[in-house]
Structures are given as structure tokens and as C-alpha cells.
Amino acid sequence: MSPRRPAAILVLTLTFATPAAAFRDCERCPDMVELPNGLSIGRAEVTFDEWAECVSAGACREVDDHAWGRGRRPVINVSLADVEAYAGWLSARTGRVYRLPTEAEWEEAARAGTTTAYWWGDTMEHGRANCRECDDGPIRHETLPVASYPANPWGLHDTAGNVWEWTSSCWDQACRRRTVRGGAWYYFAPAARSASRAGEAPEGGGYAIGFRLVRR
């Protein structure tokens, strides 16, 4: 009698997307990450240090830091015109086209291939985001330096919390307001969900709104 052959063993290999390495087009330009769809987007929100380069060049105005400090904190108090001035200056400096993401581009980047309320799951977790009552301990009433929390699976920081982020998409039919995404330090956890959205007048942009750019 012939010996029985061992049953074939099915081996499943699980693969996980590895975040692309960040790159920049010039010294003190924002760090960018290329996404699986070929779009490149800021690894984090544009910082005061990065904004200062545009101010020094005379292409951007100085903006208030609300006495929280500058450096690696996200630049705040920027209107839509301010953001467009920065994007235009950065494009001229690098020879690449920088612009605000559309709302759809922003959400795809924030979700990083996930379908849950937040990129890590359906509930807010300690140590994930800078928003009101999103962490244990005293409530913070200010921004934090970018990348203070873990990145999403595509290597992007602060797509949940810290500051709302401008997009190029209209909030209303007449485009009197633009859509902002991501929630902020001042807002509760639901505002930091990947699908959450709000509208802001173009001339607005207070101490809870910043931005990141896409590049092609």
C-alpha cells in the first residue's frame, strides 16, 4: 500500500502597504509623501518654520501664532488667499505645481485605504489625535508640533485633529465658503473623523485652521 501523501498546506501571505519615504523639493520645503494613487501630499500640516521661508522671501505675510510658539507647530490664522500665496511661491521656487487638495483628495489621503470612522478604527483612542477630550489628562487648549502623534498607514500625520485643513472644494453652491477637513484641537472627537467636514469663509482661517498641500 502506497504511503499517503501529506495534504497540501495553503499558505496565505498577508501584505501591508508600506508608507513611502518622505521627500522634499528644497531645503525647508514641506515634507511630501507619494500616495499609492500617484498623488503627493504633505506629510504633515505646513509649519511656522516652513511659512517663515515665504515671509522672508516677501511673498507671504507674517501671521499670529496666538502666543503658543512657532517652529514645528502648524501655521494658523491663514486665509485662503494666504495659502494660495504660499502655494504660488513654493511652486515658483521649486518648479513644481503645489496647490490645495480637493476635498476628495484630502479624504482619500486621510483614510489611507481604511473605511472606519478614523484611520485606526471606529472609536477615538488615547494617543491618536490632538482634539478636545481625545487624550487622558488635562485638556489642551492649543496646537501641538506636527507629527506629535503616529502617522496613518500611508505615512501622514495629523489628518485627525490639531488644526482643520483648508481644501480647494466649495462648501456651498455659491462657493461663499470653502470646505475644511480633519477637526482641530478645539473640537471634540467626532470632528476628527475622516468623513467630518465644515465650511469656512475664504477670508477666515483663525487659530484652529491650517493647511497641507498636494504637489504634482
N, C-alpha and C. Protein backbone atom coordinates (compact mmCIF):
# COMPACT_ATOMS: atom_id res chain seq x y z
N MET A 1 0.86 -1.20 0.00
CA MET A 1 0.00 0.00 0.00
C MET A 1 0.88 1.24 0.00
N SER A 2 0.63 2.14 -0.94
CA SER A 2 1.44 3.36 -1.04
C SER A 2 1.18 4.29 0.14
N PRO A 3 2.24 4.91 0.67
CA PRO A 3 2.03 5.86 1.77
C PRO A 3 1.21 7.05 1.28
N ARG A 4 0.38 7.54 2.17
CA ARG A 4 -0.45 8.69 1.82
C ARG A 4 0.41 9.94 1.75
N ARG A 5 0.14 10.72 0.74
CA ARG A 5 0.85 11.99 0.63
C ARG A 5 0.24 13.01 1.60
N PRO A 6 1.06 13.82 2.20
CA PRO A 6 0.52 14.83 3.11
C PRO A 6 -0.37 15.82 2.35
N ALA A 7 -1.42 16.22 3.00
CA ALA A 7 -2.32 17.20 2.38
C ALA A 7 -1.57 18.49 2.09
N ALA A 8 -1.92 19.08 0.98
CA ALA A 8 -1.29 20.36 0.64
C ALA A 8 -1.65 21.41 1.67
N ILE A 9 -0.69 22.19 2.02
CA ILE A 9 -0.89 23.25 3.00
C ILE A 9 -0.99 24.58 2.27
N LEU A 10 -2.09 25.25 2.50
CA LEU A 10 -2.31 26.55 1.87
C LEU A 10 -1.68 27.62 2.74
N VAL A 11 -0.73 28.31 2.18
CA VAL A 11 -0.03 29.36 2.91
C VAL A 11 -0.54 30.71 2.41
N LEU A 12 -1.08 31.49 3.32
CA LEU A 12 -1.57 32.82 2.97
C LEU A 12 -0.53 33.85 3.37
N THR A 13 -0.15 34.67 2.46
CA THR A 13 0.82 35.72 2.75
C THR A 13 0.08 37.04 2.81
N LEU A 14 0.10 37.64 3.97
CA LEU A 14 -0.57 38.93 4.14
C LEU A 14 0.41 40.04 3.81
N THR A 15 -0.03 40.97 3.03
CA THR A 15 0.83 42.09 2.67
C THR A 15 0.21 43.38 3.17
N PHE A 16 1.03 44.25 3.65
CA PHE A 16 0.58 45.53 4.17
C PHE A 16 1.28 46.64 3.41
N ALA A 17 0.55 47.68 3.14
CA ALA A 17 1.14 48.82 2.44
C ALA A 17 2.22 49.45 3.30
N THR A 18 3.38 49.65 2.72
CA THR A 18 4.48 50.30 3.42
C THR A 18 4.48 51.78 3.06
N PRO A 19 4.44 52.67 4.05
CA PRO A 19 4.43 54.09 3.72
C PRO A 19 5.64 54.47 2.88
N ALA A 20 5.43 55.28 1.88
CA ALA A 20 6.55 55.76 1.06
C ALA A 20 7.41 56.71 1.88
N ALA A 21 8.70 56.74 1.55
CA ALA A 21 9.61 57.65 2.24
C ALA A 21 9.25 59.09 1.90
N ALA A 22 9.35 59.95 2.89
CA ALA A 22 9.07 61.37 2.66
C ALA A 22 10.21 62.00 1.85
N PHE A 23 9.88 63.01 1.08
CA PHE A 23 10.88 63.73 0.30
C PHE A 23 10.52 65.21 0.34
N ARG A 24 11.44 66.05 -0.06
CA ARG A 24 11.17 67.48 -0.18
C ARG A 24 11.89 68.03 -1.40
N ASP A 25 11.33 69.07 -1.97
CA ASP A 25 11.87 69.64 -3.21
C ASP A 25 12.92 70.72 -2.96
N CYS A 26 13.07 71.17 -1.74
CA CYS A 26 14.09 72.16 -1.40
C CYS A 26 14.28 72.16 0.11
N GLU A 27 15.36 72.77 0.55
CA GLU A 27 15.58 72.88 1.98
C GLU A 27 14.46 73.71 2.61
N ARG A 28 13.89 73.18 3.68
CA ARG A 28 12.78 73.80 4.39
C ARG A 28 11.48 73.86 3.58
N CYS A 29 11.43 73.12 2.50
CA CYS A 29 10.14 72.87 1.86
C CYS A 29 9.39 71.83 2.70
N PRO A 30 8.08 71.77 2.60
CA PRO A 30 7.34 70.75 3.35
C PRO A 30 7.74 69.34 2.92
N ASP A 31 7.79 68.43 3.88
CA ASP A 31 7.99 67.02 3.56
C ASP A 31 6.75 66.51 2.84
N MET A 32 6.96 65.79 1.75
CA MET A 32 5.88 65.25 0.95
C MET A 32 5.94 63.73 0.94
N VAL A 33 4.81 63.10 0.74
CA VAL A 33 4.72 61.64 0.64
C VAL A 33 3.93 61.31 -0.62
N GLU A 34 4.46 60.40 -1.44
CA GLU A 34 3.72 59.96 -2.62
C GLU A 34 2.77 58.84 -2.23
N LEU A 35 1.51 59.01 -2.56
CA LEU A 35 0.48 58.03 -2.21
C LEU A 35 0.37 56.96 -3.29
N PRO A 36 -0.30 55.86 -2.99
CA PRO A 36 -0.43 54.79 -3.99
C PRO A 36 -1.08 55.23 -5.30
N ASN A 37 -1.90 56.27 -5.25
CA ASN A 37 -2.56 56.74 -6.48
C ASN A 37 -1.67 57.67 -7.31
N GLY A 38 -0.44 57.89 -6.85
CA GLY A 38 0.50 58.74 -7.58
C GLY A 38 0.49 60.19 -7.15
N LEU A 39 -0.47 60.58 -6.32
CA LEU A 39 -0.54 61.95 -5.81
C LEU A 39 0.44 62.12 -4.67
N SER A 40 1.12 63.25 -4.62
CA SER A 40 1.99 63.57 -3.49
C SER A 40 1.32 64.62 -2.62
N ILE A 41 1.39 64.43 -1.32
CA ILE A 41 0.72 65.33 -0.37
C ILE A 41 1.63 65.55 0.83
N GLY A 42 1.43 66.66 1.51
CA GLY A 42 2.25 66.98 2.66
C GLY A 42 2.19 65.90 3.74
N ARG A 43 3.34 65.52 4.27
CA ARG A 43 3.39 64.53 5.34
C ARG A 43 2.66 65.03 6.58
N ALA A 44 2.67 66.34 6.76
CA ALA A 44 2.00 66.97 7.90
C ALA A 44 1.52 68.35 7.46
N GLU A 45 0.89 69.04 8.37
CA GLU A 45 0.45 70.40 8.08
C GLU A 45 1.67 71.32 7.94
N VAL A 46 1.55 72.33 7.09
CA VAL A 46 2.64 73.29 6.91
C VAL A 46 2.93 73.99 8.23
N THR A 47 4.19 74.09 8.58
CA THR A 47 4.59 74.62 9.88
C THR A 47 4.96 76.11 9.80
N PHE A 48 5.09 76.71 10.98
CA PHE A 48 5.57 78.09 11.03
C PHE A 48 6.97 78.22 10.45
N ASP A 49 7.85 77.24 10.71
CA ASP A 49 9.19 77.29 10.13
C ASP A 49 9.14 77.34 8.61
N GLU A 50 8.29 76.51 8.03
CA GLU A 50 8.17 76.48 6.57
C GLU A 50 7.53 77.76 6.05
N TRP A 51 6.54 78.27 6.75
CA TRP A 51 5.90 79.53 6.38
C TRP A 51 6.89 80.69 6.43
N ALA A 52 7.80 80.66 7.41
CA ALA A 52 8.76 81.75 7.59
C ALA A 52 9.65 81.94 6.36
N GLU A 53 9.91 80.86 5.62
CA GLU A 53 10.72 80.97 4.41
C GLU A 53 10.02 81.86 3.37
N CYS A 54 8.71 81.70 3.27
CA CYS A 54 7.93 82.51 2.34
C CYS A 54 7.85 83.96 2.81
N VAL A 55 7.73 84.14 4.12
CA VAL A 55 7.72 85.50 4.69
C VAL A 55 9.05 86.20 4.39
N SER A 56 10.16 85.48 4.60
CA SER A 56 11.49 86.05 4.35
C SER A 56 11.67 86.45 2.89
N ALA A 57 11.02 85.69 2.00
CA ALA A 57 11.12 85.99 0.57
C ALA A 57 10.20 87.13 0.15
N GLY A 58 9.37 87.61 1.07
CA GLY A 58 8.46 88.71 0.78
C GLY A 58 7.20 88.30 0.04
N ALA A 59 6.94 86.98 -0.02
CA ALA A 59 5.76 86.50 -0.75
C ALA A 59 4.58 86.19 0.15
N CYS A 60 4.82 86.11 1.44
CA CYS A 60 3.76 85.81 2.42
C CYS A 60 3.81 86.82 3.55
N ARG A 61 2.69 87.01 4.20
CA ARG A 61 2.65 87.93 5.33
C ARG A 61 2.92 87.18 6.64
N GLU A 62 3.38 87.90 7.61
CA GLU A 62 3.55 87.32 8.95
C GLU A 62 2.19 87.11 9.57
N VAL A 63 2.00 85.97 10.24
CA VAL A 63 0.71 85.68 10.86
C VAL A 63 0.91 85.38 12.35
N ASP A 64 -0.15 85.57 13.10
CA ASP A 64 -0.12 85.45 14.56
C ASP A 64 -0.06 83.98 14.98
N ASP A 65 0.79 83.68 15.97
CA ASP A 65 0.87 82.31 16.49
C ASP A 65 0.03 82.11 17.75
N HIS A 66 -0.77 83.12 18.11
CA HIS A 66 -1.64 83.06 19.28
C HIS A 66 -0.86 82.84 20.58
N ALA A 67 0.41 83.24 20.56
CA ALA A 67 1.30 83.13 21.73
C ALA A 67 1.57 81.68 22.15
N TRP A 68 1.39 80.76 21.23
CA TRP A 68 1.67 79.35 21.52
C TRP A 68 3.08 78.94 21.11
N GLY A 69 3.72 79.74 20.28
CA GLY A 69 5.03 79.37 19.75
C GLY A 69 4.94 79.01 18.28
N ARG A 70 6.10 79.01 17.64
CA ARG A 70 6.14 78.81 16.19
C ARG A 70 6.85 77.49 15.86
N GLY A 71 7.98 77.55 15.21
CA GLY A 71 8.74 76.34 14.96
C GLY A 71 7.96 75.29 14.20
N ARG A 72 7.82 74.10 14.80
CA ARG A 72 7.18 72.96 14.16
C ARG A 72 5.67 72.90 14.40
N ARG A 73 5.11 73.91 15.01
CA ARG A 73 3.66 73.95 15.13
C ARG A 73 3.05 74.31 13.78
N PRO A 74 1.82 73.84 13.52
CA PRO A 74 1.20 74.19 12.24
C PRO A 74 0.91 75.68 12.16
N VAL A 75 1.17 76.28 11.01
CA VAL A 75 0.87 77.69 10.84
C VAL A 75 -0.65 77.86 10.91
N ILE A 76 -1.09 78.91 11.59
CA ILE A 76 -2.51 79.17 11.79
C ILE A 76 -2.81 80.62 11.40
N ASN A 77 -4.08 80.99 11.48
CA ASN A 77 -4.51 82.35 11.13
C ASN A 77 -4.16 82.69 9.69
N VAL A 78 -4.33 81.70 8.81
CA VAL A 78 -4.06 81.92 7.38
C VAL A 78 -5.38 81.85 6.61
N SER A 79 -5.64 82.86 5.82
CA SER A 79 -6.82 82.88 4.97
C SER A 79 -6.56 82.04 3.72
N LEU A 80 -7.57 81.86 2.91
CA LEU A 80 -7.39 81.14 1.66
C LEU A 80 -6.41 81.88 0.76
N ALA A 81 -6.47 83.21 0.74
CA ALA A 81 -5.53 83.99 -0.07
C ALA A 81 -4.09 83.80 0.43
N ASP A 82 -3.91 83.72 1.74
CA ASP A 82 -2.58 83.46 2.29
C ASP A 82 -2.04 82.12 1.81
N VAL A 83 -2.89 81.10 1.85
CA VAL A 83 -2.49 79.76 1.43
C VAL A 83 -2.13 79.77 -0.05
N GLU A 84 -2.92 80.44 -0.85
CA GLU A 84 -2.63 80.48 -2.29
C GLU A 84 -1.33 81.23 -2.57
N ALA A 85 -1.03 82.25 -1.77
CA ALA A 85 0.23 82.97 -1.92
C ALA A 85 1.41 82.04 -1.62
N TYR A 86 1.27 81.24 -0.56
CA TYR A 86 2.34 80.30 -0.20
C TYR A 86 2.52 79.24 -1.29
N ALA A 87 1.41 78.69 -1.77
CA ALA A 87 1.49 77.66 -2.81
C ALA A 87 2.12 78.22 -4.08
N GLY A 88 1.78 79.46 -4.44
CA GLY A 88 2.36 80.09 -5.62
C GLY A 88 3.85 80.31 -5.46
N TRP A 89 4.26 80.78 -4.27
CA TRP A 89 5.69 80.98 -4.01
C TRP A 89 6.45 79.67 -4.05
N LEU A 90 5.90 78.63 -3.44
CA LEU A 90 6.56 77.33 -3.40
C LEU A 90 6.67 76.74 -4.81
N SER A 91 5.63 76.92 -5.61
CA SER A 91 5.66 76.44 -6.99
C SER A 91 6.76 77.13 -7.79
N ALA A 92 6.86 78.46 -7.64
CA ALA A 92 7.89 79.21 -8.36
C ALA A 92 9.28 78.82 -7.88
N ARG A 93 9.42 78.56 -6.60
CA ARG A 93 10.74 78.21 -6.05
C ARG A 93 11.21 76.84 -6.52
N THR A 94 10.30 75.90 -6.64
CA THR A 94 10.68 74.51 -6.92
C THR A 94 10.50 74.09 -8.37
N GLY A 95 9.70 74.85 -9.11
CA GLY A 95 9.40 74.45 -10.47
C GLY A 95 8.36 73.35 -10.55
N ARG A 96 7.73 73.02 -9.44
CA ARG A 96 6.64 72.04 -9.40
C ARG A 96 5.34 72.77 -9.06
N VAL A 97 4.21 72.14 -9.33
CA VAL A 97 2.92 72.77 -9.05
C VAL A 97 2.42 72.31 -7.70
N TYR A 98 2.32 73.24 -6.75
CA TYR A 98 1.75 72.98 -5.44
C TYR A 98 0.38 73.64 -5.35
N ARG A 99 -0.56 72.98 -4.72
CA ARG A 99 -1.91 73.52 -4.58
C ARG A 99 -2.60 72.84 -3.40
N LEU A 100 -3.75 73.39 -3.02
CA LEU A 100 -4.57 72.73 -2.01
C LEU A 100 -5.18 71.45 -2.57
N PRO A 101 -5.37 70.45 -1.73
CA PRO A 101 -6.09 69.26 -2.20
C PRO A 101 -7.57 69.55 -2.34
N THR A 102 -8.22 68.82 -3.24
CA THR A 102 -9.68 68.84 -3.23
C THR A 102 -10.15 68.08 -2.00
N GLU A 103 -11.41 68.22 -1.69
CA GLU A 103 -11.96 67.50 -0.54
C GLU A 103 -11.83 65.99 -0.73
N ALA A 104 -12.07 65.50 -1.94
CA ALA A 104 -11.96 64.07 -2.20
C ALA A 104 -10.52 63.58 -2.07
N GLU A 105 -9.57 64.36 -2.56
CA GLU A 105 -8.16 64.00 -2.43
C GLU A 105 -7.75 63.97 -0.96
N TRP A 106 -8.21 64.97 -0.22
CA TRP A 106 -7.86 65.03 1.21
C TRP A 106 -8.39 63.79 1.93
N GLU A 107 -9.64 63.43 1.70
CA GLU A 107 -10.21 62.30 2.42
C GLU A 107 -9.55 60.98 2.03
N GLU A 108 -9.23 60.81 0.78
CA GLU A 108 -8.54 59.59 0.38
C GLU A 108 -7.20 59.46 1.10
N ALA A 109 -6.47 60.58 1.19
CA ALA A 109 -5.19 60.56 1.89
C ALA A 109 -5.36 60.31 3.38
N ALA A 110 -6.38 60.92 3.98
CA ALA A 110 -6.61 60.76 5.41
C ALA A 110 -7.02 59.33 5.76
N ARG A 111 -7.84 58.74 4.93
CA ARG A 111 -8.30 57.37 5.19
C ARG A 111 -7.19 56.34 4.99
N ALA A 112 -6.31 56.59 4.05
CA ALA A 112 -5.18 55.68 3.81
C ALA A 112 -5.64 54.24 3.58
N GLY A 113 -6.69 54.09 2.80
CA GLY A 113 -7.18 52.76 2.48
C GLY A 113 -8.14 52.15 3.49
N THR A 114 -8.47 52.88 4.54
CA THR A 114 -9.37 52.36 5.58
C THR A 114 -10.80 52.81 5.30
N THR A 115 -11.74 52.16 5.97
CA THR A 115 -13.15 52.51 5.82
C THR A 115 -13.81 52.81 7.17
N THR A 116 -13.03 52.84 8.23
CA THR A 116 -13.55 53.09 9.57
C THR A 116 -13.69 54.59 9.82
N ALA A 117 -14.30 54.94 10.94
CA ALA A 117 -14.54 56.36 11.25
C ALA A 117 -13.25 57.16 11.32
N TYR A 118 -12.25 56.60 11.95
CA TYR A 118 -10.90 57.16 12.00
C TYR A 118 -9.99 56.16 11.30
N TRP A 119 -8.81 56.56 10.90
CA TRP A 119 -7.97 55.61 10.16
C TRP A 119 -7.57 54.40 11.02
N TRP A 120 -7.59 54.54 12.34
CA TRP A 120 -7.20 53.43 13.22
C TRP A 120 -8.39 52.58 13.68
N GLY A 121 -9.62 53.04 13.49
CA GLY A 121 -10.79 52.29 13.95
C GLY A 121 -12.01 53.17 14.07
N ASP A 122 -13.01 52.67 14.75
CA ASP A 122 -14.29 53.39 14.82
C ASP A 122 -14.46 54.23 16.08
N THR A 123 -13.53 54.18 17.00
CA THR A 123 -13.62 54.99 18.21
C THR A 123 -12.32 55.75 18.44
N MET A 124 -12.44 56.90 19.08
CA MET A 124 -11.25 57.67 19.43
C MET A 124 -10.44 56.88 20.45
N GLU A 125 -9.12 56.89 20.30
CA GLU A 125 -8.23 56.20 21.21
C GLU A 125 -7.19 57.16 21.78
N HIS A 126 -6.78 56.89 23.00
CA HIS A 126 -5.72 57.69 23.63
C HIS A 126 -4.46 57.68 22.77
N GLY A 127 -3.84 58.84 22.64
CA GLY A 127 -2.57 58.93 21.91
C GLY A 127 -2.69 58.95 20.41
N ARG A 128 -3.88 59.29 19.89
CA ARG A 128 -4.08 59.31 18.45
C ARG A 128 -4.20 60.70 17.84
N ALA A 129 -4.76 61.66 18.60
CA ALA A 129 -5.06 62.95 17.98
C ALA A 129 -5.11 64.06 19.03
N ASN A 130 -4.80 65.27 18.58
CA ASN A 130 -4.92 66.45 19.42
C ASN A 130 -6.28 67.07 19.19
N CYS A 131 -7.25 66.70 20.03
CA CYS A 131 -8.57 67.30 19.97
C CYS A 131 -9.15 67.31 21.38
N ARG A 132 -10.27 67.99 21.55
CA ARG A 132 -10.82 68.19 22.89
C ARG A 132 -11.27 66.86 23.49
N GLU A 133 -10.75 66.55 24.66
CA GLU A 133 -11.07 65.32 25.39
C GLU A 133 -10.75 64.06 24.59
N CYS A 134 -9.73 64.14 23.75
CA CYS A 134 -9.30 62.97 22.98
C CYS A 134 -8.13 62.25 23.63
N ASP A 135 -7.55 62.83 24.66
CA ASP A 135 -6.44 62.22 25.37
C ASP A 135 -6.73 62.22 26.86
N ASP A 136 -6.05 61.35 27.60
CA ASP A 136 -6.16 61.37 29.05
C ASP A 136 -5.43 62.61 29.59
N GLY A 137 -5.77 63.00 30.80
CA GLY A 137 -5.09 64.12 31.42
C GLY A 137 -5.75 65.45 31.11
N PRO A 138 -5.05 66.55 31.42
CA PRO A 138 -5.62 67.89 31.23
C PRO A 138 -5.96 68.15 29.76
N ILE A 139 -7.02 68.91 29.55
CA ILE A 139 -7.41 69.28 28.19
C ILE A 139 -6.43 70.31 27.65
N ARG A 140 -5.91 70.06 26.46
CA ARG A 140 -5.02 71.04 25.82
C ARG A 140 -5.87 72.09 25.12
N HIS A 141 -5.42 73.32 25.18
CA HIS A 141 -6.14 74.40 24.51
C HIS A 141 -5.23 75.09 23.51
N GLU A 142 -4.49 74.29 22.74
CA GLU A 142 -3.59 74.86 21.75
C GLU A 142 -3.15 73.77 20.78
N THR A 143 -2.51 74.21 19.71
CA THR A 143 -1.95 73.26 18.75
C THR A 143 -0.73 72.57 19.38
N LEU A 144 -0.32 71.49 18.76
CA LEU A 144 0.93 70.81 19.13
C LEU A 144 1.83 70.78 17.90
N PRO A 145 3.15 70.62 18.08
CA PRO A 145 4.03 70.46 16.91
C PRO A 145 3.53 69.33 16.02
N VAL A 146 3.66 69.50 14.72
CA VAL A 146 3.19 68.46 13.80
C VAL A 146 3.92 67.15 14.07
N ALA A 147 3.26 66.05 13.74
CA ALA A 147 3.82 64.70 13.92
C ALA A 147 4.04 64.35 15.39
N SER A 148 3.26 64.95 16.28
CA SER A 148 3.31 64.57 17.69
C SER A 148 2.59 63.24 17.93
N TYR A 149 1.79 62.81 16.98
CA TYR A 149 1.04 61.56 17.08
C TYR A 149 1.42 60.64 15.92
N PRO A 150 1.12 59.35 16.02
CA PRO A 150 1.51 58.41 14.97
C PRO A 150 0.92 58.76 13.60
N ALA A 151 1.62 58.34 12.57
CA ALA A 151 1.16 58.54 11.20
C ALA A 151 0.14 57.48 10.82
N ASN A 152 -0.68 57.81 9.82
CA ASN A 152 -1.62 56.82 9.29
C ASN A 152 -0.86 55.81 8.42
N PRO A 153 -1.52 54.78 7.89
CA PRO A 153 -0.80 53.75 7.14
C PRO A 153 -0.04 54.25 5.92
N TRP A 154 -0.37 55.42 5.42
CA TRP A 154 0.34 55.97 4.27
C TRP A 154 1.39 56.99 4.69
N GLY A 155 1.66 57.09 5.99
CA GLY A 155 2.74 57.95 6.47
C GLY A 155 2.38 59.40 6.70
N LEU A 156 1.09 59.71 6.81
CA LEU A 156 0.65 61.10 7.01
C LEU A 156 0.28 61.33 8.47
N HIS A 157 0.72 62.46 8.99
CA HIS A 157 0.44 62.83 10.38
C HIS A 157 -0.67 63.88 10.45
N ASP A 158 -1.41 63.84 11.54
CA ASP A 158 -2.37 64.90 11.90
C ASP A 158 -3.50 65.08 10.90
N THR A 159 -3.89 64.02 10.21
CA THR A 159 -5.10 64.11 9.41
C THR A 159 -6.34 64.09 10.31
N ALA A 160 -6.15 63.72 11.57
CA ALA A 160 -7.20 63.81 12.59
C ALA A 160 -6.70 64.75 13.67
N GLY A 161 -7.41 65.85 13.86
CA GLY A 161 -7.07 66.77 14.94
C GLY A 161 -5.94 67.74 14.61
N ASN A 162 -5.51 68.45 15.61
CA ASN A 162 -4.51 69.53 15.59
C ASN A 162 -5.10 70.80 14.98
N VAL A 163 -5.24 70.88 13.66
CA VAL A 163 -5.97 72.01 13.06
C VAL A 163 -6.82 71.50 11.89
N TRP A 164 -7.96 72.17 11.68
CA TRP A 164 -8.70 71.95 10.45
C TRP A 164 -7.78 72.31 9.29
N GLU A 165 -8.01 71.72 8.13
CA GLU A 165 -7.17 71.98 6.97
C GLU A 165 -8.02 72.47 5.80
N TRP A 166 -7.57 73.57 5.20
CA TRP A 166 -8.23 74.10 4.02
C TRP A 166 -8.21 73.08 2.88
N THR A 167 -9.27 73.03 2.10
CA THR A 167 -9.26 72.33 0.81
C THR A 167 -9.69 73.32 -0.26
N SER A 168 -9.58 72.91 -1.51
CA SER A 168 -9.97 73.79 -2.62
C SER A 168 -11.45 73.66 -2.96
N SER A 169 -12.16 72.77 -2.29
CA SER A 169 -13.55 72.48 -2.63
C SER A 169 -14.52 73.46 -1.98
N CYS A 170 -15.58 73.78 -2.71
CA CYS A 170 -16.61 74.69 -2.21
C CYS A 170 -17.49 73.97 -1.19
N TRP A 171 -17.92 74.72 -0.18
CA TRP A 171 -18.83 74.19 0.83
C TRP A 171 -20.28 74.36 0.40
N ASP A 172 -20.58 75.47 -0.26
CA ASP A 172 -21.94 75.76 -0.69
C ASP A 172 -21.95 76.01 -2.19
N GLN A 173 -23.13 76.02 -2.76
CA GLN A 173 -23.25 76.11 -4.21
C GLN A 173 -22.66 77.39 -4.77
N ALA A 174 -22.79 78.47 -4.02
CA ALA A 174 -22.25 79.75 -4.47
C ALA A 174 -20.76 79.90 -4.16
N CYS A 175 -20.20 78.92 -3.48
CA CYS A 175 -18.78 78.91 -3.10
C CYS A 175 -18.41 80.12 -2.23
N ARG A 176 -19.35 80.52 -1.37
CA ARG A 176 -19.05 81.60 -0.42
C ARG A 176 -18.16 81.10 0.71
N ARG A 177 -18.17 79.79 0.92
CA ARG A 177 -17.30 79.17 1.92
C ARG A 177 -16.58 77.98 1.29
N ARG A 178 -15.42 77.68 1.83
CA ARG A 178 -14.65 76.52 1.37
C ARG A 178 -14.69 75.44 2.45
N THR A 179 -14.52 74.21 2.02
CA THR A 179 -14.56 73.09 2.94
C THR A 179 -13.24 72.94 3.67
N VAL A 180 -13.31 72.71 4.98
CA VAL A 180 -12.14 72.37 5.78
C VAL A 180 -12.37 70.97 6.35
N ARG A 181 -11.27 70.25 6.57
CA ARG A 181 -11.37 68.86 6.99
C ARG A 181 -10.42 68.56 8.15
N GLY A 182 -10.74 67.52 8.90
CA GLY A 182 -9.79 66.96 9.87
C GLY A 182 -10.00 67.29 11.33
N GLY A 183 -10.89 68.23 11.66
CA GLY A 183 -11.04 68.57 13.07
C GLY A 183 -9.86 69.39 13.58
N ALA A 184 -9.88 69.70 14.88
CA ALA A 184 -8.84 70.55 15.45
C ALA A 184 -8.77 70.40 16.96
N TRP A 185 -7.74 71.00 17.52
CA TRP A 185 -7.50 70.93 18.97
C TRP A 185 -8.71 71.40 19.77
N TYR A 186 -9.47 72.35 19.22
CA TYR A 186 -10.59 72.96 19.95
C TYR A 186 -11.86 72.12 19.89
N TYR A 187 -11.94 71.18 18.95
CA TYR A 187 -13.18 70.46 18.68
C TYR A 187 -13.14 69.05 19.25
N PHE A 188 -14.36 68.51 19.51
CA PHE A 188 -14.46 67.17 20.07
C PHE A 188 -14.16 66.10 19.02
N ALA A 189 -14.02 64.86 19.51
CA ALA A 189 -13.56 63.74 18.69
C ALA A 189 -14.35 63.55 17.39
N PRO A 190 -15.68 63.66 17.38
CA PRO A 190 -16.40 63.42 16.12
C PRO A 190 -15.93 64.29 14.96
N ALA A 191 -15.45 65.49 15.25
CA ALA A 191 -14.98 66.37 14.19
C ALA A 191 -13.70 65.85 13.54
N ALA A 192 -12.99 64.96 14.21
CA ALA A 192 -11.73 64.43 13.69
C ALA A 192 -11.92 63.18 12.84
N ARG A 193 -13.17 62.72 12.67
CA ARG A 193 -13.42 61.55 11.82
C ARG A 193 -13.02 61.86 10.38
N SER A 194 -12.64 60.82 9.66
CA SER A 194 -12.18 61.01 8.28
C SER A 194 -13.23 61.64 7.38
N ALA A 195 -14.52 61.41 7.68
CA ALA A 195 -15.59 61.94 6.85
C ALA A 195 -16.11 63.30 7.32
N SER A 196 -15.66 63.78 8.46
CA SER A 196 -16.20 65.03 9.00
C SER A 196 -15.75 66.22 8.16
N ARG A 197 -16.62 67.21 8.06
CA ARG A 197 -16.34 68.37 7.23
C ARG A 197 -17.02 69.59 7.81
N ALA A 198 -16.49 70.76 7.46
CA ALA A 198 -17.07 72.02 7.89
C ALA A 198 -16.78 73.07 6.83
N GLY A 199 -17.48 74.20 6.90
CA GLY A 199 -17.29 75.28 5.94
C GLY A 199 -16.67 76.50 6.60
N GLU A 200 -15.86 77.22 5.86
CA GLU A 200 -15.19 78.41 6.37
C GLU A 200 -15.13 79.46 5.27
N ALA A 201 -15.40 80.72 5.63
CA ALA A 201 -15.30 81.81 4.67
C ALA A 201 -13.84 81.96 4.23
N PRO A 202 -13.60 82.21 2.95
CA PRO A 202 -12.23 82.30 2.45
C PRO A 202 -11.36 83.30 3.20
N GLU A 203 -11.97 84.38 3.66
CA GLU A 203 -11.19 85.39 4.39
C GLU A 203 -11.00 85.01 5.85
N GLY A 204 -11.59 83.89 6.26
CA GLY A 204 -11.47 83.45 7.65
C GLY A 204 -10.14 82.76 7.88
N GLY A 205 -10.17 81.71 8.67
CA GLY A 205 -8.92 81.00 8.98
C GLY A 205 -8.34 81.49 10.28
N GLY A 206 -8.94 81.12 11.38
CA GLY A 206 -8.48 81.56 12.68
C GLY A 206 -7.44 80.64 13.28
N TYR A 207 -7.44 80.57 14.62
CA TYR A 207 -6.39 79.81 15.30
C TYR A 207 -6.64 78.31 15.33
N ALA A 208 -7.66 77.84 14.63
CA ALA A 208 -7.91 76.40 14.56
C ALA A 208 -7.84 75.88 13.13
N ILE A 209 -7.31 76.68 12.19
CA ILE A 209 -7.25 76.26 10.79
C ILE A 209 -5.85 76.44 10.23
N GLY A 210 -5.35 75.40 9.58
CA GLY A 210 -4.09 75.43 8.86
C GLY A 210 -4.27 74.78 7.50
N PHE A 211 -3.22 74.15 7.00
CA PHE A 211 -3.34 73.52 5.67
C PHE A 211 -2.15 72.60 5.40
N ARG A 212 -2.35 71.72 4.43
CA ARG A 212 -1.26 70.98 3.79
C ARG A 212 -1.52 71.04 2.29
N LEU A 213 -0.48 70.83 1.51
CA LEU A 213 -0.58 70.97 0.06
C LEU A 213 -0.37 69.64 -0.65
N VAL A 214 -0.87 69.55 -1.87
CA VAL A 214 -0.52 68.46 -2.76
C VAL A 214 0.41 69.02 -3.83
N ARG A 215 1.11 68.11 -4.48
CA ARG A 215 2.11 68.54 -5.48
C ARG A 215 2.12 67.56 -6.64
N ARG A 216 2.31 68.07 -7.82
CA ARG A 216 2.46 67.19 -8.99
C ARG A 216 3.64 67.66 -9.84
